[in-house]
Amino acid sequence: MGRTTESTVTFRRPFDLEACDQVQPAGTYRLVTEEEQVAGISFVAFRRTATLLYTPAHPIPGQADQVIPVDPLELQAALEADRRNVE
């Protein structure tokens, strides 16, 4: 059994991640986290199996989204760096 969680992340400045082939523009991006239930334990727990970033932030009508699997730790570091650069 698995679950999917959707959220958004906002970058106020252009950013780059290893999984992206180019610098991404500032904007709000859709983020999907997929998890699977850990079997064989006496309580309900989930393990992350994928973190997916949807680009571009502001698609043009008819433009296809790209889904990029990203490292959640790298994404968190990029978000923290973005916040530090804005303040």
PDB file of N, CA and C in Angstrom:
ATOM      1  N   MET A   1       0.849  -1.187   0.000  1.00  0.00           N
ATOM      2  CA  MET A   1       0.000   0.000   0.000  1.00  0.00           C
ATOM      3  C   MET A   1       0.890   1.244   0.000  1.00  0.00           C
ATOM      4  N   GLY A   2       0.536   2.218  -0.793  1.00  0.00           N
ATOM      5  CA  GLY A   2       1.322   3.436  -0.881  1.00  0.00           C
ATOM      6  C   GLY A   2       0.463   4.670  -0.747  1.00  0.00           C
ATOM      7  N   ARG A   3       1.123   5.792  -0.696  1.00  0.00           N
ATOM      8  CA  ARG A   3       0.402   7.065  -0.662  1.00  0.00           C
ATOM      9  C   ARG A   3       1.204   8.107  -1.419  1.00  0.00           C
ATOM     10  N   THR A   4       0.481   9.093  -1.904  1.00  0.00           N
ATOM     11  CA  THR A   4       1.074  10.196  -2.655  1.00  0.00           C
ATOM     12  C   THR A   4       0.661  11.496  -1.991  1.00  0.00           C
ATOM     13  N   THR A   5       1.618  12.373  -1.778  1.00  0.00           N
ATOM     14  CA  THR A   5       1.360  13.677  -1.180  1.00  0.00           C
ATOM     15  C   THR A   5       1.777  14.748  -2.178  1.00  0.00           C
ATOM     16  N   GLU A   6       0.885  15.704  -2.415  1.00  0.00           N
ATOM     17  CA  GLU A   6       1.200  16.822  -3.316  1.00  0.00           C
ATOM     18  C   GLU A   6       1.316  18.103  -2.515  1.00  0.00           C
ATOM     19  N   SER A   7       2.302  18.919  -2.884  1.00  0.00           N
ATOM     20  CA  SER A   7       2.490  20.227  -2.263  1.00  0.00           C
ATOM     21  C   SER A   7       3.137  21.138  -3.301  1.00  0.00           C
ATOM     22  N   THR A   8       3.476  22.335  -2.876  1.00  0.00           N
ATOM     23  CA  THR A   8       4.196  23.251  -3.752  1.00  0.00           C
ATOM     24  C   THR A   8       5.415  23.789  -3.015  1.00  0.00           C
ATOM     25  N   VAL A   9       6.412  24.152  -3.786  1.00  0.00           N
ATOM     26  CA  VAL A   9       7.594  24.836  -3.259  1.00  0.00           C
ATOM     27  C   VAL A   9       7.787  26.094  -4.084  1.00  0.00           C
ATOM     28  N   THR A  10       8.222  27.149  -3.420  1.00  0.00           N
ATOM     29  CA  THR A  10       8.399  28.422  -4.109  1.00  0.00           C
ATOM     30  C   THR A  10       9.846  28.879  -4.019  1.00  0.00           C
ATOM     31  N   PHE A  11      10.402  29.181  -5.167  1.00  0.00           N
ATOM     32  CA  PHE A  11      11.734  29.759  -5.259  1.00  0.00           C
ATOM     33  C   PHE A  11      11.571  31.213  -5.679  1.00  0.00           C
ATOM     34  N   ARG A  12      12.246  32.098  -4.995  1.00  0.00           N
ATOM     35  CA  ARG A  12      12.163  33.519  -5.325  1.00  0.00           C
ATOM     36  C   ARG A  12      13.262  33.944  -6.286  1.00  0.00           C
ATOM     37  N   ARG A  13      14.221  33.072  -6.486  1.00  0.00           N
ATOM     38  CA  ARG A  13      15.327  33.320  -7.418  1.00  0.00           C
ATOM     39  C   ARG A  13      15.516  32.071  -8.281  1.00  0.00           C
ATOM     40  N   PRO A  14      16.129  32.216  -9.455  1.00  0.00           N
ATOM     41  CA  PRO A  14      16.438  31.030 -10.261  1.00  0.00           C
ATOM     42  C   PRO A  14      17.282  30.045  -9.443  1.00  0.00           C
ATOM     43  N   PHE A  15      17.135  28.768  -9.744  1.00  0.00           N
ATOM     44  CA  PHE A  15      17.841  27.738  -8.983  1.00  0.00           C
ATOM     45  C   PHE A  15      18.255  26.601  -9.905  1.00  0.00           C
ATOM     46  N   ASP A  16      19.181  25.803  -9.410  1.00  0.00           N
ATOM     47  CA  ASP A  16      19.681  24.662 -10.173  1.00  0.00           C
ATOM     48  C   ASP A  16      19.749  23.448  -9.258  1.00  0.00           C
ATOM     49  N   LEU A  17      19.345  22.309  -9.776  1.00  0.00           N
ATOM     50  CA  LEU A  17      19.460  21.030  -9.085  1.00  0.00           C
ATOM     51  C   LEU A  17      20.187  20.065 -10.004  1.00  0.00           C
ATOM     52  N   GLU A  18      20.865  19.101  -9.427  1.00  0.00           N
ATOM     53  CA  GLU A  18      21.617  18.148 -10.229  1.00  0.00           C
ATOM     54  C   GLU A  18      20.746  17.468 -11.281  1.00  0.00           C
ATOM     55  N   ALA A  19      19.504  17.147 -10.933  1.00  0.00           N
ATOM     56  CA  ALA A  19      18.622  16.416 -11.839  1.00  0.00           C
ATOM     57  C   ALA A  19      18.092  17.281 -12.986  1.00  0.00           C
ATOM     58  N   CYS A  20      18.181  18.594 -12.859  1.00  0.00           N
ATOM     59  CA  CYS A  20      17.687  19.505 -13.897  1.00  0.00           C
ATOM     60  C   CYS A  20      18.781  19.747 -14.932  1.00  0.00           C
ATOM     61  N   ASP A  21      18.392  19.795 -16.188  1.00  0.00           N
ATOM     62  CA  ASP A  21      19.384  20.004 -17.240  1.00  0.00           C
ATOM     63  C   ASP A  21      19.727  21.477 -17.452  1.00  0.00           C
ATOM     64  N   GLN A  22      19.012  22.358 -16.772  1.00  0.00           N
ATOM     65  CA  GLN A  22      19.305  23.788 -16.878  1.00  0.00           C
ATOM     66  C   GLN A  22      18.791  24.500 -15.637  1.00  0.00           C
ATOM     67  N   VAL A  23      19.191  25.750 -15.473  1.00  0.00           N
ATOM     68  CA  VAL A  23      18.719  26.559 -14.353  1.00  0.00           C
ATOM     69  C   VAL A  23      17.221  26.777 -14.527  1.00  0.00           C
ATOM     70  N   GLN A  24      16.491  26.618 -13.436  1.00  0.00           N
ATOM     71  CA  GLN A  24      15.040  26.801 -13.453  1.00  0.00           C
ATOM     72  C   GLN A  24      14.698  28.213 -12.993  1.00  0.00           C
ATOM     73  N   PRO A  25      13.672  28.816 -13.576  1.00  0.00           N
ATOM     74  CA  PRO A  25      13.305  30.176 -13.179  1.00  0.00           C
ATOM     75  C   PRO A  25      12.615  30.201 -11.816  1.00  0.00           C
ATOM     76  N   ALA A  26      12.627  31.364 -11.198  1.00  0.00           N
ATOM     77  CA  ALA A  26      11.890  31.552  -9.952  1.00  0.00           C
ATOM     78  C   ALA A  26      10.423  31.242 -10.203  1.00  0.00           C
ATOM     79  N   GLY A  27       9.747  30.769  -9.161  1.00  0.00           N
ATOM     80  CA  GLY A  27       8.324  30.469  -9.292  1.00  0.00           C
ATOM     81  C   GLY A  27       7.895  29.422  -8.299  1.00  0.00           C
ATOM     82  N   THR A  28       6.627  29.058  -8.378  1.00  0.00           N
ATOM     83  CA  THR A  28       6.059  28.034  -7.514  1.00  0.00           C
ATOM     84  C   THR A  28       5.921  26.747  -8.317  1.00  0.00           C
ATOM     85  N   TYR A  29       6.474  25.692  -7.781  1.00  0.00           N
ATOM     86  CA  TYR A  29       6.536  24.399  -8.459  1.00  0.00           C
ATOM     87  C   TYR A  29       5.706  23.359  -7.712  1.00  0.00           C
ATOM     88  N   ARG A  30       5.085  22.499  -8.474  1.00  0.00           N
ATOM     89  CA  ARG A  30       4.348  21.366  -7.899  1.00  0.00           C
ATOM     90  C   ARG A  30       5.355  20.301  -7.489  1.00  0.00           C
ATOM     91  N   LEU A  31       5.175  19.740  -6.288  1.00  0.00           N
ATOM     92  CA  LEU A  31       6.056  18.717  -5.757  1.00  0.00           C
ATOM     93  C   LEU A  31       5.206  17.523  -5.332  1.00  0.00           C
ATOM     94  N   VAL A  32       5.570  16.338  -5.790  1.00  0.00           N
ATOM     95  CA  VAL A  32       4.843  15.117  -5.451  1.00  0.00           C
ATOM     96  C   VAL A  32       5.799  14.171  -4.741  1.00  0.00           C
ATOM     97  N   THR A  33       5.370  13.683  -3.577  1.00  0.00           N
ATOM     98  CA  THR A  33       6.161  12.713  -2.823  1.00  0.00           C
ATOM     99  C   THR A  33       5.401  11.399  -2.805  1.00  0.00           C
ATOM    100  N   GLU A  34       6.058  10.344  -3.253  1.00  0.00           N
ATOM    101  CA  GLU A  34       5.454   9.012  -3.245  1.00  0.00           C
ATOM    102  C   GLU A  34       6.104   8.205  -2.131  1.00  0.00           C
ATOM    103  N   GLU A  35       5.267   7.473  -1.387  1.00  0.00           N
ATOM    104  CA  GLU A  35       5.754   6.676  -0.269  1.00  0.00           C
ATOM    105  C   GLU A  35       5.104   5.303  -0.299  1.00  0.00           C
ATOM    106  N   GLU A  36       5.800   4.326   0.281  1.00  0.00           N
ATOM    107  CA  GLU A  36       5.234   2.989   0.418  1.00  0.00           C
ATOM    108  C   GLU A  36       5.183   2.636   1.893  1.00  0.00           C
ATOM    109  N   GLN A  37       4.187   1.848   2.256  1.00  0.00           N
ATOM    110  CA  GLN A  37       4.046   1.446   3.643  1.00  0.00           C
ATOM    111  C   GLN A  37       5.119   0.413   3.989  1.00  0.00           C
ATOM    112  N   VAL A  38       5.700   0.578   5.165  1.00  0.00           N
ATOM    113  CA  VAL A  38       6.704  -0.364   5.641  1.00  0.00           C
ATOM    114  C   VAL A  38       5.961  -1.557   6.238  1.00  0.00           C
ATOM    115  N   ALA A  39       6.233  -2.731   5.706  1.00  0.00           N
ATOM    116  CA  ALA A  39       5.563  -3.949   6.168  1.00  0.00           C
ATOM    117  C   ALA A  39       6.331  -4.589   7.317  1.00  0.00           C
ATOM    118  N   GLY A  40       5.604  -5.383   8.109  1.00  0.00           N
ATOM    119  CA  GLY A  40       6.248  -6.196   9.126  1.00  0.00           C
ATOM    120  C   GLY A  40       6.541  -5.500  10.434  1.00  0.00           C
ATOM    121  N   ILE A  41       5.941  -4.341  10.679  1.00  0.00           N
ATOM    122  CA  ILE A  41       6.123  -3.674  11.966  1.00  0.00           C
ATOM    123  C   ILE A  41       4.764  -3.472  12.609  1.00  0.00           C
ATOM    124  N   SER A  42       4.731  -3.215  13.900  1.00  0.00           N
ATOM    125  CA  SER A  42       3.466  -3.164  14.648  1.00  0.00           C
ATOM    126  C   SER A  42       2.753  -1.812  14.582  1.00  0.00           C
ATOM    127  N   PHE A  43       3.284  -0.879  13.820  1.00  0.00           N
ATOM    128  CA  PHE A  43       2.636   0.425  13.656  1.00  0.00           C
ATOM    129  C   PHE A  43       2.733   0.823  12.186  1.00  0.00           C
ATOM    130  N   VAL A  44       1.926   1.804  11.814  1.00  0.00           N
ATOM    131  CA  VAL A  44       1.917   2.247  10.422  1.00  0.00           C
ATOM    132  C   VAL A  44       3.060   3.235  10.202  1.00  0.00           C
ATOM    133  N   ALA A  45       3.895   2.934   9.226  1.00  0.00           N
ATOM    134  CA  ALA A  45       5.009   3.815   8.866  1.00  0.00           C
ATOM    135  C   ALA A  45       5.184   3.767   7.352  1.00  0.00           C
ATOM    136  N   PHE A  46       5.697   4.864   6.812  1.00  0.00           N
ATOM    137  CA  PHE A  46       5.908   4.955   5.371  1.00  0.00           C
ATOM    138  C   PHE A  46       7.358   5.319   5.080  1.00  0.00           C
ATOM    139  N   ARG A  47       7.838   4.855   3.922  1.00  0.00           N
ATOM    140  CA  ARG A  47       9.183   5.144   3.445  1.00  0.00           C
ATOM    141  C   ARG A  47       9.038   5.868   2.106  1.00  0.00           C
ATOM    142  N   ARG A  48       9.761   6.980   1.964  1.00  0.00           N
ATOM    143  CA  ARG A  48       9.714   7.744   0.718  1.00  0.00           C
ATOM    144  C   ARG A  48      10.353   6.929  -0.397  1.00  0.00           C
ATOM    145  N   THR A  49       9.680   6.859  -1.524  1.00  0.00           N
ATOM    146  CA  THR A  49      10.226   6.145  -2.677  1.00  0.00           C
ATOM    147  C   THR A  49      10.585   7.091  -3.813  1.00  0.00           C
ATOM    148  N   ALA A  50       9.955   8.279  -3.847  1.00  0.00           N
ATOM    149  CA  ALA A  50      10.268   9.234  -4.915  1.00  0.00           C
ATOM    150  C   ALA A  50       9.816  10.634  -4.511  1.00  0.00           C
ATOM    151  N   THR A  51      10.602  11.613  -4.937  1.00  0.00           N
ATOM    152  CA  THR A  51      10.233  13.021  -4.815  1.00  0.00           C
ATOM    153  C   THR A  51      10.322  13.589  -6.227  1.00  0.00           C
ATOM    154  N   LEU A  52       9.195  14.087  -6.727  1.00  0.00           N
ATOM    155  CA  LEU A  52       9.096  14.514  -8.124  1.00  0.00           C
ATOM    156  C   LEU A  52       8.764  16.001  -8.211  1.00  0.00           C
ATOM    157  N   LEU A  53       9.560  16.731  -8.967  1.00  0.00           N
ATOM    158  CA  LEU A  53       9.354  18.158  -9.183  1.00  0.00           C
ATOM    159  C   LEU A  53       8.803  18.351 -10.585  1.00  0.00           C
ATOM    160  N   TYR A  54       7.693  19.077 -10.691  1.00  0.00           N
ATOM    161  CA  TYR A  54       7.071  19.336 -11.994  1.00  0.00           C
ATOM    162  C   TYR A  54       7.524  20.695 -12.497  1.00  0.00           C
ATOM    163  N   THR A  55       8.076  20.713 -13.709  1.00  0.00           N
ATOM    164  CA  THR A  55       8.492  21.960 -14.327  1.00  0.00           C
ATOM    165  C   THR A  55       7.776  22.095 -15.664  1.00  0.00           C
ATOM    166  N   PRO A  56       7.586  23.268 -16.176  1.00  0.00           N
ATOM    167  CA  PRO A  56       8.009  24.552 -15.637  1.00  0.00           C
ATOM    168  C   PRO A  56       7.056  25.040 -14.543  1.00  0.00           C
ATOM    169  N   ALA A  57       7.475  26.087 -13.844  1.00  0.00           N
ATOM    170  CA  ALA A  57       6.653  26.641 -12.777  1.00  0.00           C
ATOM    171  C   ALA A  57       5.374  27.261 -13.334  1.00  0.00           C
ATOM    172  N   HIS A  58       5.474  27.908 -14.491  1.00  0.00           N
ATOM    173  CA  HIS A  58       4.325  28.586 -15.106  1.00  0.00           C
ATOM    174  C   HIS A  58       4.165  28.077 -16.536  1.00  0.00           C
ATOM    175  N   PRO A  59       3.534  26.906 -16.690  1.00  0.00           N
ATOM    176  CA  PRO A  59       3.430  26.358 -18.046  1.00  0.00           C
ATOM    177  C   PRO A  59       2.559  27.222 -18.951  1.00  0.00           C
ATOM    178  N   ILE A  60       2.939  27.238 -20.198  1.00  0.00           N
ATOM    179  CA  ILE A  60       2.148  27.897 -21.233  1.00  0.00           C
ATOM    180  C   ILE A  60       1.046  26.920 -21.628  1.00  0.00           C
ATOM    181  N   PRO A  61      -0.190  27.381 -21.851  1.00  0.00           N
ATOM    182  CA  PRO A  61      -1.245  26.439 -22.248  1.00  0.00           C
ATOM    183  C   PRO A  61      -0.789  25.541 -23.394  1.00  0.00           C
ATOM    184  N   GLY A  62      -0.986  24.249 -23.218  1.00  0.00           N
ATOM    185  CA  GLY A  62      -0.583  23.281 -24.217  1.00  0.00           C
ATOM    186  C   GLY A  62       0.836  22.762 -24.043  1.00  0.00           C
ATOM    187  N   GLN A  63       1.607  23.411 -23.177  1.00  0.00           N
ATOM    188  CA  GLN A  63       2.982  22.984 -22.931  1.00  0.00           C
ATOM    189  C   GLN A  63       2.976  21.813 -21.946  1.00  0.00           C
ATOM    190  N   ALA A  64       3.749  20.798 -22.219  1.00  0.00           N
ATOM    191  CA  ALA A  64       3.808  19.623 -21.350  1.00  0.00           C
ATOM    192  C   ALA A  64       4.690  19.895 -20.134  1.00  0.00           C
ATOM    193  N   ASP A  65       4.260  19.364 -19.000  1.00  0.00           N
ATOM    194  CA  ASP A  65       5.087  19.411 -17.798  1.00  0.00           C
ATOM    195  C   ASP A  65       6.213  18.404 -17.940  1.00  0.00           C
ATOM    196  N   GLN A  66       7.338  18.718 -17.351  1.00  0.00           N
ATOM    197  CA  GLN A  66       8.404  17.734 -17.192  1.00  0.00           C
ATOM    198  C   GLN A  66       8.350  17.290 -15.745  1.00  0.00           C
ATOM    199  N   VAL A  67       8.554  16.017 -15.510  1.00  0.00           N
ATOM    200  CA  VAL A  67       8.590  15.479 -14.158  1.00  0.00           C
ATOM    201  C   VAL A  67      10.028  15.058 -13.888  1.00  0.00           C
ATOM    202  N   ILE A  68      10.635  15.691 -12.889  1.00  0.00           N
ATOM    203  CA  ILE A  68      12.041  15.456 -12.603  1.00  0.00           C
ATOM    204  C   ILE A  68      12.171  14.829 -11.215  1.00  0.00           C
ATOM    205  N   PRO A  69      12.708  13.609 -11.135  1.00  0.00           N
ATOM    206  CA  PRO A  69      12.968  13.031  -9.813  1.00  0.00           C
ATOM    207  C   PRO A  69      14.125  13.781  -9.163  1.00  0.00           C
ATOM    208  N   VAL A  70      13.911  14.279  -7.950  1.00  0.00           N
ATOM    209  CA  VAL A  70      14.932  15.076  -7.269  1.00  0.00           C
ATOM    210  C   VAL A  70      15.288  14.457  -5.927  1.00  0.00           C
ATOM    211  N   ASP A  71      16.482  14.761  -5.467  1.00  0.00           N
ATOM    212  CA  ASP A  71      16.944  14.353  -4.144  1.00  0.00           C
ATOM    213  C   ASP A  71      16.303  15.312  -3.131  1.00  0.00           C
ATOM    214  N   PRO A  72      15.505  14.798  -2.189  1.00  0.00           N
ATOM    215  CA  PRO A  72      14.834  15.694  -1.244  1.00  0.00           C
ATOM    216  C   PRO A  72      15.792  16.523  -0.395  1.00  0.00           C
ATOM    217  N   LEU A  73      16.954  15.989  -0.080  1.00  0.00           N
ATOM    218  CA  LEU A  73      17.928  16.753   0.706  1.00  0.00           C
ATOM    219  C   LEU A  73      18.522  17.898  -0.117  1.00  0.00           C
ATOM    220  N   GLU A  74      18.792  17.641  -1.389  1.00  0.00           N
ATOM    221  CA  GLU A  74      19.301  18.694  -2.267  1.00  0.00           C
ATOM    222  C   GLU A  74      18.233  19.772  -2.478  1.00  0.00           C
ATOM    223  N   LEU A  75      16.983  19.351  -2.630  1.00  0.00           N
ATOM    224  CA  LEU A  75      15.885  20.304  -2.798  1.00  0.00           C
ATOM    225  C   LEU A  75      15.755  21.182  -1.564  1.00  0.00           C
ATOM    226  N   GLN A  76      15.805  20.573  -0.376  1.00  0.00           N
ATOM    227  CA  GLN A  76      15.703  21.341   0.867  1.00  0.00           C
ATOM    228  C   GLN A  76      16.847  22.340   0.984  1.00  0.00           C
ATOM    229  N   ALA A  77      18.050  21.918   0.636  1.00  0.00           N
ATOM    230  CA  ALA A  77      19.202  22.823   0.687  1.00  0.00           C
ATOM    231  C   ALA A  77      19.028  23.988  -0.284  1.00  0.00           C
ATOM    232  N   ALA A  78      18.505  23.714  -1.479  1.00  0.00           N
ATOM    233  CA  ALA A  78      18.275  24.777  -2.464  1.00  0.00           C
ATOM    234  C   ALA A  78      17.218  25.763  -1.964  1.00  0.00           C
ATOM    235  N   LEU A  79      16.169  25.254  -1.326  1.00  0.00           N
ATOM    236  CA  LEU A  79      15.130  26.137  -0.773  1.00  0.00           C
ATOM    237  C   LEU A  79      15.697  27.007   0.346  1.00  0.00           C
ATOM    238  N   GLU A  80      16.524  26.426   1.205  1.00  0.00           N
ATOM    239  CA  GLU A  80      17.136  27.198   2.291  1.00  0.00           C
ATOM    240  C   GLU A  80      18.077  28.259   1.731  1.00  0.00           C
ATOM    241  N   ALA A  81      18.850  27.923   0.723  1.00  0.00           N
ATOM    242  CA  ALA A  81      19.746  28.898   0.094  1.00  0.00           C
ATOM    243  C   ALA A  81      18.938  30.020  -0.534  1.00  0.00           C
ATOM    244  N   ASP A  82      17.815  29.692  -1.159  1.00  0.00           N
ATOM    245  CA  ASP A  82      16.954  30.692  -1.774  1.00  0.00           C
ATOM    246  C   ASP A  82      16.425  31.651  -0.708  1.00  0.00           C
ATOM    247  N   ARG A  83      16.010  31.135   0.421  1.00  0.00           N
ATOM    248  CA  ARG A  83      15.491  31.985   1.503  1.00  0.00           C
ATOM    249  C   ARG A  83      16.582  32.900   2.039  1.00  0.00           C
ATOM    250  N   ARG A  84      17.788  32.354   2.203  1.00  0.00           N
ATOM    251  CA  ARG A  84      18.907  33.177   2.713  1.00  0.00           C
ATOM    252  C   ARG A  84      19.245  34.311   1.752  1.00  0.00           C
ATOM    253  N   ASN A  85      19.182  34.068   0.456  1.00  0.00           N
ATOM    254  CA  ASN A  85      19.534  35.077  -0.551  1.00  0.00           C
ATOM    255  C   ASN A  85      18.482  36.161  -0.688  1.00  0.00           C
ATOM    256  N   VAL A  86      17.264  35.883  -0.249  1.00  0.00           N
ATOM    257  CA  VAL A  86      16.183  36.849  -0.390  1.00  0.00           C
ATOM    258  C   VAL A  86      16.154  37.790   0.797  1.00  0.00           C
ATOM    259  N   GLU A  87      16.470  37.289   1.960  1.00  0.00           N
ATOM    260  CA  GLU A  87      16.366  38.098   3.192  1.00  0.00           C
ATOM    261  C   GLU A  87      17.444  39.137   3.292  1.00  0.00           C
TER     262      GLU A  87
END
